[in-house]
Every structure is written in structure tokens, then in C-alpha cells.
């Protein structure tokens, strides 16, 4: 039965509006049913869905549709190449390109940029050079600005800066994007001296050029230089502000983060999720609850979706400000939680003394089939340690190794040693340390066990642990002092003298105690064994 002409626009519209794999499959079924699958336009719209949502499933499905088409047009070929170029398997874009060369459809000015970007995605220099050879055979492509810009970018991304520069210099026409392709690659590799030379040489700059420079300096930790460039930007956008704000956040200058955020708002620049995450992190580290709550209200007022890193930042802010109930509310209201959100909530409960609740959230995480990572286990084991949850802690430690195949780090072992030490299972803690290659060589873990031995008055074990600690770190004055104190507690004064002589012979000095006092607004220091210091 022929489809009424009036229904065709509706079916094509449905095809264009597909947002999920299920909708894509429904649209495909409609095209098959009506025979419109042989029409190049609606068929190509199905393929185009794959580059908008380049997951393995969507690309595989789109490729199966593509393979069934009799005579794909250039748009369809380009859509399939573009989908693979944006995917986790960009090499497959070259396979499609090779098939296109053997078809009746010639590559066009859109084909080459997509396939060249695919080469950039997996640093395929040899493949990129072969594509460049095809470009050189076509005068139209040699003169196409977009094609030449993607070639410059490909060579620069692959580290061939001389080839990229040669292309740039011989271009009959070049624009700011041509320069930015070279500039961004230098910045990405941390080659800021070369980036500065290109930046100074640029015939024109856009906001993206300035942003590359700010981001490059902040990634290198040169926040003052980044600020100098930022202040010179003629017209700043949200990316400009984000770059300089993240730079100050990275070096721990959280007060300046808040100052910049206020300035950003005065300039009527609308912050995005990236901005808000950095500012919330600053609020968390400063304990600036009122600022953090204002941001939460801003998010709510502007209808910004709370998920992913933004949800994590909110939970972290409330937790570090001691507002655990509000952290739990944000966490509960977050529909799509990723592993970082779960980690933040577990860690927040732990640092606020809610160990049982932290373990409960961890178990809920497993029920929701969110796979925990190393940070998850550090947080939940820390909660068990501080709350003295011995059985739960050991169960989770074993689960981490056997069910999730995660090798214990010093942090994981430290939590378990601390947990065993807190409940007096000192020999068990020692056995774990002796059995772990990582823990056996870690002074930090042996120091933790030594503190527990002293707290429980197990002087014999404390002596053994202190001696082990000194073998690991002979220059650690704390180990000598604690061993000396253990001998003193046992009344072994000759051993005390021997330890102190050993310290002296090895040039190890006990750090002097320090006291401070404020007199008439001036702070003065007193060091043990020394005179007055102002």
C-alpha cells in the first residue's frame, strides 16, 4: 500500500527528532515500512543520529543501516565518517573513507575535515599524511580553508610542528582559526614559550586565542601570568572566566576564586556548571557556607540540572561546612548519581562522624549497581575506622580485593591498620603489615601501629614496631623519640641512653618545641632551648 504524500513530512520529522536508540529504531522501522529507507535524505538522517550520540550501540546500529543502503549520497558517507571520528574507535572512519573512494561518490569539502579529525583523534600521523596526499591531488581542496585548517591541527596534534607551520605559511588565505590550530596544540603540550611566539605573531586574535593562553598558563601553575593575559582580553566570555578561576582554585587561592566569581557576575557573564563547581569547591575549602548556599539558590532559580560534578560539589560543600542534613538532601534529590557523587556523600558522612550511615550509603551504592572505585573504598574504610566498625571494615576490605579486584594502596591499608589498632587488635594489624608488600615498606603505616601500641600499653610490641620504623627511616626523629619513651616506660634507662647516643651519632635532632605569644599586636615565637625570637 502506497503511503499518502501528506504523511511523508511527519515520518521524516519523526526521524529527525529521534533522541534515543529506541526512537532511532522506531524511525528506522517506519522508513522500512513505508519504503522511504531508499530515499537518501531520511536514510541519511538516521545515520546522522550516530554522530550526535556516538555510543557503541548507536554507531553499530547506524552502520548496519548504512551497510543496507544501495547508493549512499555524500551526506550519508560523511555522517558515517563523522560518527566514527567522534567515537572511541576513530580508526573505523578511515575504513569508511576507503570504501567511499571505491564508490561512485567522491569525497567533498566536508569529507576531508571529518576524516582528518579522525586521524588527530588517535594521533594517526601516517594515515593523516596519506589523507593529505589525497587533498594535494585536488585543487579545490588545496584552496579550501576548512580543509587546510584541519590539516594544520592534525600535524600539530601529532607533534609535527614544523609541518604544521609550513602549511600555515604557504596558505594563500588564512584566518584566526588557522593560527589557533597551531596555538592550541602548543598549549596542549605545555610548550608555552612556543605558544607565546605564535600568539605574538598572530595577525588577528579572537577570544578563543586569548582563552588558550590563559588555560595554558594555569595548567602550568603560572597563575600570575594567566591573570595578566586574562586582564588584557578585550571581550571575555564564560570560558575566559572559567580558565582563570580554575587556575586560582588549583593553587589553593580560594579567596580569589570568590572575588573573581563576584566580578564575573557584575560583568553579566552567566556562569555555567564548570564555573559553579570551582566556586563551590572554594566555598567548601573556606567553610563559606553563606556563599555556597547563595550558589545553590542560584542553581535552583536558573533551572540548572544538578547532576554529575555539580551534585558532587554541592554535597562536598555542605559536608565540609558541617551541614550534613543538607548534603543528604542534595544527594537524595540527585536523580543521576555517578561514582564521584556517591564518594562525596560517603566521605562527607565519614568526616562528620556518621560511620554507620556512610556504610549504609555504600551498601545502597552497590544496590544501585554503581561500581565503586579506589576513592570509594578509602572513604568507607575511613568511616569504619573512625567509628570502630571492625566487622564491616574487614568485610569491605576483603570485598574490595576479591569482588572488585582493587589492589590496596597505602591509604586503604592505613584505614585497616588504624581500625585494628583502635580496637586493640595489634598483632593482627602487624600481621597485615608484614603480609603486604606495600605496607611493609611504609613508615606511615608502621607509625600508625606504633601509636596504637603505646595507647594500649603494649610496650613489647611497641619496641619491635619502633625498631622496624627506624630501619625503614633512620633519619626520622619521631621514631627515636618514641622508642626512647617506650624504654623509659619499661625502666630500661641504659637503653634510653643508647637510643639518644645513636640519634646524636647519626646527626638526628629532635625538633624543638615552639610557643607563640602576642604582645602589643606583635606575635613572638619561643623555641625550646633558645632565647626570645621576634
Protein backbone atom coordinates (compact mmCIF):
# COMPACT_ATOMS: atom_id res chain seq x y z
CA UNK A 1 0.00 0.00 0.00
CA UNK A 2 1.40 3.37 -1.03
CA UNK A 3 1.97 5.91 1.70
CA UNK A 4 -0.14 9.08 1.41
CA UNK A 5 2.10 12.02 0.40
CA UNK A 6 0.74 14.05 3.32
CA UNK A 7 2.28 11.54 5.79
CA UNK A 8 5.81 11.78 4.40
CA UNK A 9 6.79 15.05 6.18
CA UNK A 10 5.56 13.63 9.50
CA UNK A 11 7.66 10.47 9.16
CA UNK A 12 10.76 12.43 8.14
CA UNK A 13 10.21 14.84 11.04
CA UNK A 14 9.99 11.88 13.45
CA UNK A 15 13.27 10.58 12.01
CA UNK A 16 15.00 13.93 12.55
CA UNK A 17 13.75 14.24 16.13
CA UNK A 18 14.98 10.83 17.32
CA UNK A 19 16.91 11.34 20.58
CA UNK A 20 17.42 7.80 21.86
CA UNK A 21 18.39 4.45 20.37
CA UNK A 22 14.82 3.22 20.85
CA UNK A 23 13.45 6.20 18.92
CA UNK A 24 16.07 5.62 16.23
CA UNK A 25 14.92 2.01 15.89
CA UNK A 26 11.27 3.13 15.69
CA UNK A 27 12.13 5.68 13.00
CA UNK A 28 14.05 3.02 11.08
CA UNK A 29 11.05 0.68 11.25
CA UNK A 30 8.80 3.43 9.85
CA UNK A 31 11.17 4.05 6.94
CA UNK A 32 11.33 0.33 6.16
CA UNK A 33 7.55 0.01 6.36
CA UNK A 34 6.92 2.97 4.06
CA UNK A 35 9.79 2.36 1.64
CA UNK A 36 11.33 5.74 2.49
CA UNK A 37 14.53 3.96 3.51
CA UNK A 38 15.54 4.17 -0.16
CA UNK A 39 15.17 7.96 -0.07
CA UNK A 40 18.67 9.38 0.57
CA UNK A 41 17.53 12.21 2.82
CA UNK A 42 15.59 10.37 5.58
CA UNK A 43 18.09 7.49 5.48
CA UNK A 44 20.95 9.94 5.96
CA UNK A 45 19.13 11.48 8.95
CA UNK A 46 19.18 8.08 10.64
CA UNK A 47 22.94 7.86 10.13
CA UNK A 48 23.39 11.43 11.36
CA UNK A 49 21.95 10.40 14.74
CA UNK A 50 25.13 8.38 15.36
CA UNK A 51 27.47 11.38 15.37
CA UNK A 52 25.14 13.31 17.67
CA UNK A 53 25.20 10.38 20.12
CA UNK A 54 28.34 8.36 19.30
CA UNK A 55 27.95 5.41 21.66
CA UNK A 56 28.99 1.91 20.63
CA UNK A 57 25.36 0.80 20.33
CA UNK A 58 24.17 3.74 18.22
CA UNK A 59 27.15 3.60 15.86
CA UNK A 60 26.84 -0.16 15.42
CA UNK A 61 23.14 0.25 14.63
CA UNK A 62 23.78 3.17 12.28
CA UNK A 63 26.49 1.18 10.48
CA UNK A 64 24.05 -1.70 9.95
CA UNK A 65 21.59 0.76 8.35
CA UNK A 66 24.39 2.27 6.27
CA UNK A 67 25.50 -1.16 5.01
CA UNK A 68 21.99 -1.91 3.71
CA UNK A 69 21.75 1.27 1.63
CA UNK A 70 22.09 0.82 -2.12
CA UNK A 71 23.58 4.15 -3.15
CA UNK A 72 24.54 6.33 -0.16
CA UNK A 73 24.88 10.01 -1.02
CA UNK A 74 27.80 12.18 0.14
CA UNK A 75 25.88 13.38 3.21
CA UNK A 76 25.34 9.77 4.31
CA UNK A 77 29.00 8.84 3.76
CA UNK A 78 30.11 11.95 5.65
CA UNK A 79 27.71 11.25 8.52
CA UNK A 80 29.12 7.74 8.97
CA UNK A 81 32.72 9.00 8.82
CA UNK A 82 31.90 11.79 11.27
CA UNK A 83 30.22 9.38 13.69
CA UNK A 84 33.30 7.17 13.85
CA UNK A 85 35.61 10.21 14.09
CA UNK A 86 33.74 11.27 17.26
CA UNK A 87 33.65 7.76 18.71
CA UNK A 88 36.03 5.65 20.78
CA UNK A 89 37.12 3.88 17.55
CA UNK A 90 38.09 6.74 15.20
CA UNK A 91 40.22 4.38 13.08
CA UNK A 92 36.98 3.00 11.63
CA UNK A 93 36.38 6.36 9.96
CA UNK A 94 39.32 5.55 7.67
CA UNK A 95 37.72 2.24 6.70
CA UNK A 96 34.54 4.06 5.66
CA UNK A 97 36.61 6.66 3.80
CA UNK A 98 38.44 3.90 1.93
CA UNK A 99 35.10 2.37 0.94
CA UNK A 100 33.92 5.79 -0.23
CA UNK A 101 36.94 6.12 -2.51
CA UNK A 102 35.89 2.87 -4.19
CA UNK A 103 32.29 4.01 -4.64
CA UNK A 104 30.65 6.28 -7.19
CA UNK A 105 30.55 9.15 -4.66
CA UNK A 106 33.57 11.44 -4.47
CA UNK A 107 34.80 12.93 -1.18
CA UNK A 108 33.88 16.60 -0.80
CA UNK A 109 34.94 19.58 1.32
CA UNK A 110 33.12 18.08 4.34
CA UNK A 111 34.56 14.58 3.99
CA UNK A 112 38.20 15.56 4.40
CA UNK A 113 37.87 17.55 7.64
CA UNK A 114 35.96 14.66 9.25
CA UNK A 115 38.48 12.01 8.24
CA UNK A 116 41.45 14.24 9.14
CA UNK A 117 39.93 14.85 12.59
CA UNK A 118 39.66 11.08 12.96
CA UNK A 119 43.43 10.83 12.36
CA UNK A 120 44.00 13.52 15.00
CA UNK A 121 41.84 11.60 17.48
CA UNK A 122 44.20 8.61 17.53
CA UNK A 123 47.38 10.54 16.60
CA UNK A 124 47.50 8.70 13.28
CA UNK A 125 50.26 10.68 11.60
CA UNK A 126 50.91 8.17 8.79
CA UNK A 127 47.21 7.94 7.98
CA UNK A 128 46.91 11.73 8.15
CA UNK A 129 49.79 12.12 5.70
CA UNK A 130 48.04 9.75 3.28
CA UNK A 131 44.84 11.82 3.50
CA UNK A 132 46.96 14.92 2.93
CA UNK A 133 48.22 13.27 -0.26
CA UNK A 134 44.61 12.93 -1.49
CA UNK A 135 44.00 16.61 -0.67
CA UNK A 136 47.06 17.71 -2.66
CA UNK A 137 45.67 15.99 -5.78
CA UNK A 138 42.57 18.20 -5.74
CA UNK A 139 42.99 21.93 -6.38
CA UNK A 140 39.62 22.72 -4.79
CA UNK A 141 40.69 21.03 -1.53
CA UNK A 142 44.13 22.67 -1.57
CA UNK A 143 42.40 26.04 -1.59
CA UNK A 144 39.70 25.13 0.94
CA UNK A 145 40.37 26.98 4.20
CA UNK A 146 38.48 24.49 6.39
CA UNK A 147 40.36 21.50 4.97
CA UNK A 148 43.74 23.23 5.36
CA UNK A 149 42.96 24.25 8.95
CA UNK A 150 42.16 20.67 9.94
CA UNK A 151 45.44 19.53 8.36
CA UNK A 152 47.37 22.12 10.41
CA UNK A 153 45.60 20.91 13.53
CA UNK A 154 46.34 17.25 12.72
CA UNK A 155 50.08 17.84 12.22
CA UNK A 156 50.29 19.97 15.36
CA UNK A 157 48.37 17.45 17.49
CA UNK A 158 50.74 14.72 16.25
CA UNK A 159 53.71 16.87 17.31
CA UNK A 160 54.86 17.73 13.78
CA UNK A 161 55.00 21.48 14.41
CA UNK A 162 57.36 22.23 11.51
CA UNK A 163 54.96 20.61 9.03
CA UNK A 164 52.04 22.46 10.61
CA UNK A 165 53.91 25.76 10.33
CA UNK A 166 54.89 25.12 6.70
CA UNK A 167 51.24 24.55 5.84
CA UNK A 168 50.26 27.73 7.65
CA UNK A 169 52.92 29.80 5.89
CA UNK A 170 52.06 28.63 2.37
CA UNK A 171 48.29 29.07 2.73
CA UNK A 172 47.09 31.71 0.22
CA UNK A 173 44.39 32.65 2.69
CA UNK A 174 44.43 32.03 6.43
CA UNK A 175 42.25 33.11 9.30
CA UNK A 176 42.35 33.18 13.09
CA UNK A 177 41.27 29.50 13.17
CA UNK A 178 44.42 28.61 11.21
CA UNK A 179 46.58 30.26 13.87
CA UNK A 180 44.50 28.83 16.72
CA UNK A 181 45.05 25.29 15.40
CA UNK A 182 48.81 25.71 15.91
CA UNK A 183 48.46 27.72 19.12
CA UNK A 184 46.16 25.21 20.84
CA UNK A 185 48.50 22.30 20.09
CA UNK A 186 51.45 24.12 21.67
CA UNK A 187 49.31 24.90 24.72
CA UNK A 188 48.07 21.31 24.99
CA UNK A 189 51.68 20.06 25.12
CA UNK A 190 52.69 22.66 27.69
CA UNK A 191 55.03 24.41 25.23
CA UNK A 192 54.15 27.90 26.43
CA UNK A 193 57.30 29.60 25.09
CA UNK A 194 56.38 28.49 21.56
CA UNK A 195 52.72 29.35 22.20
CA UNK A 196 53.73 32.89 23.20
CA UNK A 197 55.73 33.32 19.98
CA UNK A 198 52.75 32.23 17.86
CA UNK A 199 50.36 34.37 19.91
CA UNK A 200 52.53 37.47 19.44
CA UNK A 201 52.81 36.78 15.70
CA UNK A 202 49.08 36.30 15.10
CA UNK A 203 47.60 38.68 12.56
CA UNK A 204 44.33 38.70 14.48
CA UNK A 205 43.06 37.11 17.68
CA UNK A 206 39.65 36.07 18.88
CA UNK A 207 38.50 35.25 22.40
CA UNK A 208 39.43 31.61 21.82
CA UNK A 209 43.07 32.64 21.18
CA UNK A 210 43.19 34.52 24.48
CA UNK A 211 41.50 31.64 26.30
CA UNK A 212 44.10 29.16 25.04
CA UNK A 213 46.84 31.30 26.57
CA UNK A 214 45.07 31.71 29.92
CA UNK A 215 44.36 27.97 30.13
CA UNK A 216 47.92 27.11 29.15
CA UNK A 217 49.44 29.24 31.90
CA UNK A 218 47.01 27.96 34.55
CA UNK A 219 47.75 24.33 33.64
CA UNK A 220 51.44 25.05 34.16
CA UNK A 221 50.69 26.66 37.53
CA UNK A 222 51.67 30.16 36.33
CA UNK A 223 48.57 31.80 37.72
CA UNK A 224 50.00 35.34 37.84
CA UNK A 225 50.94 35.19 34.15
CA UNK A 226 47.49 33.77 33.38
CA UNK A 227 45.91 36.67 35.26
CA UNK A 228 47.99 39.19 33.29
CA UNK A 229 46.75 37.73 29.99
CA UNK A 230 43.19 37.47 31.32
CA UNK A 231 43.14 41.15 32.27
CA UNK A 232 44.16 42.07 28.70
CA UNK A 233 41.32 40.15 26.99
CA UNK A 234 39.19 42.76 25.18
CA UNK A 235 35.91 40.85 25.48
CA UNK A 236 35.80 37.95 27.92
CA UNK A 237 33.39 35.01 27.70
CA UNK A 238 32.49 32.35 30.26
CA UNK A 239 35.45 30.19 29.15
CA UNK A 240 37.83 33.08 29.92
CA UNK A 241 36.46 33.42 33.44
CA UNK A 242 36.44 29.65 33.99
CA UNK A 243 40.08 29.37 32.96
CA UNK A 244 41.35 31.97 35.42
CA UNK A 245 39.01 30.85 38.23
CA UNK A 246 40.16 27.23 37.89
CA UNK A 247 43.76 28.44 37.92
CA UNK A 248 43.34 30.09 41.31
CA UNK A 249 41.41 27.06 42.58
CA UNK A 250 44.25 24.74 41.51
CA UNK A 251 46.84 26.71 43.51
CA UNK A 252 44.56 26.88 46.55
CA UNK A 253 43.81 30.62 46.44
CA UNK A 254 40.12 30.09 47.17
CA UNK A 255 39.51 33.65 48.37
CA UNK A 256 40.49 34.97 44.95
CA UNK A 257 38.15 32.43 43.34
CA UNK A 258 35.23 34.05 45.17
CA UNK A 259 36.45 37.56 44.30
CA UNK A 260 36.61 36.64 40.60
CA UNK A 261 33.20 34.99 40.73
CA UNK A 262 31.64 38.18 42.09
CA UNK A 263 33.39 40.20 39.37
CA UNK A 264 32.10 37.77 36.75
CA UNK A 265 28.53 38.31 37.92
CA UNK A 266 28.99 42.09 37.85
CA UNK A 267 30.07 41.77 34.21
CA UNK A 268 26.75 39.99 33.49
CA UNK A 269 28.53 36.79 32.41
CA UNK A 270 26.30 33.80 33.11
CA UNK A 271 28.26 31.08 34.95
CA UNK A 272 27.99 27.51 33.74
CA UNK A 273 28.30 24.23 35.64
CA UNK A 274 32.10 24.31 35.34
CA UNK A 275 32.21 27.74 37.00
CA UNK A 276 29.88 26.68 39.79
CA UNK A 277 31.86 23.52 40.55
CA UNK A 278 35.06 25.54 41.05
CA UNK A 279 33.33 28.18 43.18
CA UNK A 280 31.57 25.56 45.32
CA UNK A 281 34.93 23.87 45.85
CA UNK A 282 36.33 27.19 47.07
CA UNK A 283 33.36 27.62 49.43
CA UNK A 284 33.95 24.11 50.79
CA UNK A 285 37.63 24.76 51.46
CA UNK A 286 36.96 28.14 53.07
CA UNK A 287 33.92 26.99 55.02
CA UNK A 288 31.99 29.78 53.29
CA UNK A 289 28.51 28.35 53.87
CA UNK A 290 26.54 31.52 53.06
CA UNK A 291 28.29 31.85 49.68
CA UNK A 292 27.69 28.18 48.96
CA UNK A 293 24.01 28.44 49.83
CA UNK A 294 23.67 31.50 47.58
CA UNK A 295 25.07 29.43 44.70
CA UNK A 296 22.62 26.62 45.49
CA UNK A 297 19.75 29.14 45.27
CA UNK A 298 21.21 30.49 42.00
CA UNK A 299 21.27 26.96 40.57
CA UNK A 300 17.67 26.36 41.62
CA UNK A 301 16.43 29.74 40.36
CA UNK A 302 18.04 29.28 36.94
CA UNK A 303 16.82 25.71 36.49
CA UNK A 304 20.33 24.27 36.24
CA UNK A 305 20.30 20.48 36.39
CA UNK A 306 22.05 19.11 39.48
CA UNK A 307 23.96 16.01 38.43
CA UNK A 308 27.48 14.71 37.98
CA UNK A 309 30.26 17.01 39.17
CA UNK A 310 27.85 19.77 40.17
CA UNK A 311 25.95 17.43 42.51
CA UNK A 312 29.28 16.21 43.88
CA UNK A 313 30.46 19.78 44.52
CA UNK A 314 27.24 20.68 46.37
CA UNK A 315 27.38 17.57 48.56
CA UNK A 316 31.06 18.24 49.27
CA UNK A 317 30.41 21.90 50.14
CA UNK A 318 27.62 21.14 52.60
CA UNK A 319 29.58 18.26 54.14
CA UNK A 320 32.74 20.30 54.71
CA UNK A 321 30.64 23.12 56.18
CA UNK A 322 29.13 20.65 58.65
CA UNK A 323 25.62 20.76 57.14
CA UNK A 324 25.29 17.01 56.66
CA UNK A 325 21.47 17.06 56.55
CA UNK A 326 21.55 19.48 53.61
CA UNK A 327 24.22 17.37 51.92
CA UNK A 328 21.96 14.33 52.26
CA UNK A 329 19.03 16.28 50.79
CA UNK A 330 21.04 17.33 47.72
CA UNK A 331 22.27 13.76 47.38
CA UNK A 332 18.74 12.35 47.67
CA UNK A 333 17.36 14.85 45.14
CA UNK A 334 20.05 13.98 42.58
CA UNK A 335 18.45 11.60 40.11
CA UNK A 336 21.57 10.61 38.18
CA UNK A 337 24.40 9.92 40.59
CA UNK A 338 27.84 8.99 39.31
CA UNK A 339 30.63 7.40 41.34
CA UNK A 340 32.02 10.80 42.40
CA UNK A 341 28.64 11.79 43.87
CA UNK A 342 28.46 8.59 45.92
CA UNK A 343 32.08 9.06 47.02
CA UNK A 344 31.41 12.61 48.15
CA UNK A 345 28.41 11.57 50.25
CA UNK A 346 30.24 8.64 51.85
CA UNK A 347 33.24 10.86 52.56
CA UNK A 348 31.03 13.64 53.93
CA UNK A 349 29.31 11.31 56.37
CA UNK A 350 32.69 9.92 57.41
CA UNK A 351 34.32 13.28 58.22
CA UNK A 352 31.23 14.34 60.17
CA UNK A 353 31.32 11.24 62.37
CA UNK A 354 28.45 9.26 60.81
CA UNK A 355 30.27 5.99 60.19
CA UNK A 356 27.23 3.70 60.24
CA UNK A 357 25.40 5.98 57.81
CA UNK A 358 28.43 6.07 55.50
CA UNK A 359 28.45 2.27 55.35
CA UNK A 360 24.70 2.37 54.67
CA UNK A 361 25.20 4.70 51.70
CA UNK A 362 27.98 2.42 50.43
CA UNK A 363 25.63 -0.58 50.52
CA UNK A 364 22.95 1.47 48.73
CA UNK A 365 25.55 2.31 46.08
CA UNK A 366 26.11 -1.39 45.46
CA UNK A 367 22.34 -1.99 45.30
CA UNK A 368 22.08 0.74 42.64
CA UNK A 369 24.81 -1.08 40.67
CA UNK A 370 27.21 1.86 40.71
CA UNK A 371 30.70 0.37 40.64
CA UNK A 372 32.90 1.68 43.48
CA UNK A 373 36.48 2.79 42.80
CA UNK A 374 39.61 3.22 44.93
CA UNK A 375 38.37 6.51 46.40
CA UNK A 376 35.07 4.90 47.42
CA UNK A 377 36.89 2.31 49.49
CA UNK A 378 39.22 4.87 51.09
CA UNK A 379 36.17 6.86 52.21
CA UNK A 380 34.12 3.94 53.52
CA UNK A 381 37.11 2.26 55.23
CA UNK A 382 37.96 5.57 56.87
CA UNK A 383 34.37 5.76 58.13
CA UNK A 384 34.66 2.25 59.57
CA UNK A 385 37.97 3.13 61.21
CA UNK A 386 36.72 6.29 62.92
CA UNK A 387 33.50 4.59 64.06
CA UNK A 388 35.24 1.39 65.18
CA UNK A 389 33.16 -0.76 62.81
CA UNK A 390 35.53 -3.73 62.82
CA UNK A 391 33.38 -6.41 61.15
CA UNK A 392 32.04 -4.07 58.45
CA UNK A 393 35.52 -2.66 57.80
CA UNK A 394 37.18 -6.05 57.33
CA UNK A 395 34.28 -7.27 55.19
CA UNK A 396 34.54 -4.22 52.92
CA UNK A 397 38.35 -4.51 52.73
CA UNK A 398 38.06 -8.13 51.56
CA UNK A 399 35.25 -7.17 49.16
CA UNK A 400 37.48 -4.51 47.62
CA UNK A 401 40.23 -7.04 46.84
CA UNK A 402 38.23 -10.14 45.93
CA UNK A 403 34.99 -8.80 44.41
CA UNK A 404 36.33 -5.68 42.69
CA UNK A 405 39.96 -6.66 42.11
CA UNK A 406 41.34 -3.43 43.59
CA UNK A 407 44.87 -3.70 44.97
CA UNK A 408 45.15 -1.99 48.38
CA UNK A 409 47.02 1.31 48.42
CA UNK A 410 48.74 2.87 51.43
CA UNK A 411 45.50 4.75 52.14
CA UNK A 412 43.43 1.55 52.22
CA UNK A 413 45.96 -0.27 54.40
CA UNK A 414 46.22 2.75 56.68
CA UNK A 415 42.47 2.68 57.33
CA UNK A 416 42.54 -1.03 58.20
CA UNK A 417 45.64 -0.72 60.41
CA UNK A 418 44.03 2.21 62.21
CA UNK A 419 40.76 0.27 62.59
CA UNK A 420 42.51 -2.77 64.09
CA UNK A 421 44.65 -0.53 66.27
CA UNK A 422 41.66 1.38 67.64
CA UNK A 423 40.03 -1.84 68.89
CA UNK A 424 43.30 -3.26 70.26
CA UNK A 425 43.92 -5.97 67.66
CA UNK A 426 47.59 -5.04 67.46
CA UNK A 427 49.09 -8.40 66.47
CA UNK A 428 46.51 -8.73 63.68
CA UNK A 429 47.47 -5.27 62.41
CA UNK A 430 51.15 -6.26 62.48
CA UNK A 431 50.44 -9.44 60.50
CA UNK A 432 48.63 -7.45 57.81
CA UNK A 433 51.59 -5.08 57.55
CA UNK A 434 54.09 -7.94 57.33
CA UNK A 435 51.99 -9.65 54.65
CA UNK A 436 51.56 -6.59 52.44
CA UNK A 437 54.48 -5.59 50.22
CA UNK A 438 53.11 -2.06 50.10
CA UNK A 439 52.55 -1.74 53.84
CA UNK A 440 55.76 -3.49 54.86
CA UNK A 441 57.86 -0.62 53.50
CA UNK A 442 55.61 2.25 54.58
CA UNK A 443 56.80 4.25 57.63
CA UNK A 444 53.38 5.92 57.80
CA UNK A 445 51.59 2.62 58.44
CA UNK A 446 54.12 1.40 61.00
CA UNK A 447 53.87 4.78 62.74
CA UNK A 448 50.10 4.29 62.99
CA UNK A 449 50.58 0.86 64.55
CA UNK A 450 53.20 2.24 66.96
CA UNK A 451 50.76 4.88 68.22
CA UNK A 452 48.13 2.19 68.83
CA UNK A 453 50.66 0.01 70.70
CA UNK A 454 51.54 2.90 73.01
CA UNK A 455 47.87 3.78 73.55
CA UNK A 456 47.13 0.19 74.61
CA UNK A 457 50.31 -0.11 76.71
CA UNK A 458 51.72 -3.00 74.66
CA UNK A 459 55.32 -1.93 75.20
CA UNK A 460 56.91 -5.12 73.93
CA UNK A 461 55.21 -4.83 70.53
CA UNK A 462 55.76 -1.07 70.56
CA UNK A 463 59.52 -1.68 70.89
CA UNK A 464 59.51 -4.10 67.94
CA UNK A 465 57.48 -1.70 65.79
CA UNK A 466 59.67 1.28 66.71
CA UNK A 467 62.81 -0.66 65.78
CA UNK A 468 61.20 -1.62 62.45
CA UNK A 469 60.31 2.03 61.89
CA UNK A 470 63.92 3.11 62.42
CA UNK A 471 65.15 0.54 59.91
CA UNK A 472 62.75 1.99 57.33
CA UNK A 473 63.62 5.62 58.07
CA UNK A 474 66.84 6.04 60.11
CA UNK A 475 66.56 9.85 59.97
CA UNK A 476 63.06 10.00 61.48
CA UNK A 477 63.44 11.77 64.84
CA UNK A 478 59.91 10.74 65.90
CA UNK A 479 60.85 7.06 65.75
CA UNK A 480 63.84 7.58 68.05
CA UNK A 481 61.84 9.69 70.48
CA UNK A 482 59.01 7.14 70.69
CA UNK A 483 61.44 4.22 71.09
CA UNK A 484 63.20 6.16 73.83
CA UNK A 485 59.85 6.77 75.55
CA UNK A 486 58.99 3.05 75.33
CA UNK A 487 62.28 2.11 77.02
CA UNK A 488 61.70 4.78 79.66
CA UNK A 489 58.24 3.35 80.39
CA UNK A 490 59.88 -0.05 80.97
CA UNK A 491 62.55 1.50 83.20
CA UNK A 492 65.33 0.49 80.78
CA UNK A 493 67.42 3.63 81.23
CA UNK A 494 70.56 2.23 79.67
CA UNK A 495 68.56 1.59 76.50
CA UNK A 496 67.22 5.15 76.64
CA UNK A 497 70.78 6.50 76.76
CA UNK A 498 71.81 4.16 73.93
CA UNK A 499 68.96 5.40 71.69
CA UNK A 500 69.85 9.04 72.36
CA UNK A 501 73.53 8.40 71.63
CA UNK A 502 72.51 6.67 68.42
CA UNK A 503 70.46 9.76 67.48
CA UNK A 504 73.44 12.01 68.11
CA UNK A 505 75.90 9.84 66.17
CA UNK A 506 73.60 9.84 63.13
CA UNK A 507 73.01 13.58 63.32
CA UNK A 508 69.30 13.20 64.04
CA UNK A 509 67.91 16.05 66.12
CA UNK A 510 64.62 16.26 67.96
CA UNK A 511 62.58 19.14 66.59
CA UNK A 512 62.38 21.94 69.10
CA UNK A 513 59.04 22.77 70.63
CA UNK A 514 57.63 26.15 69.71
CA UNK A 515 55.31 28.53 71.57
CA UNK A 516 53.87 31.82 70.39
CA UNK A 517 52.58 34.82 72.31
CA UNK A 518 51.10 38.11 71.11
CA UNK A 519 52.39 41.26 72.83
CA UNK A 520 51.10 44.67 71.76
CA UNK A 521 49.83 43.25 68.48
CA UNK A 522 53.15 41.60 67.59
CA UNK A 523 53.46 37.78 67.52
CA UNK A 524 56.65 36.43 69.13
CA UNK A 525 58.00 32.86 68.97
CA UNK A 526 59.76 30.90 71.72
CA UNK A 527 61.74 27.82 70.66
CA UNK A 528 62.74 25.30 73.31
CA UNK A 529 66.38 25.80 74.24
CA UNK A 530 66.60 29.17 72.51
CA UNK A 531 66.14 32.76 73.51
CA UNK A 532 63.39 35.22 72.70
CA UNK A 533 62.64 35.46 68.95
CA UNK A 534 60.56 38.29 67.50
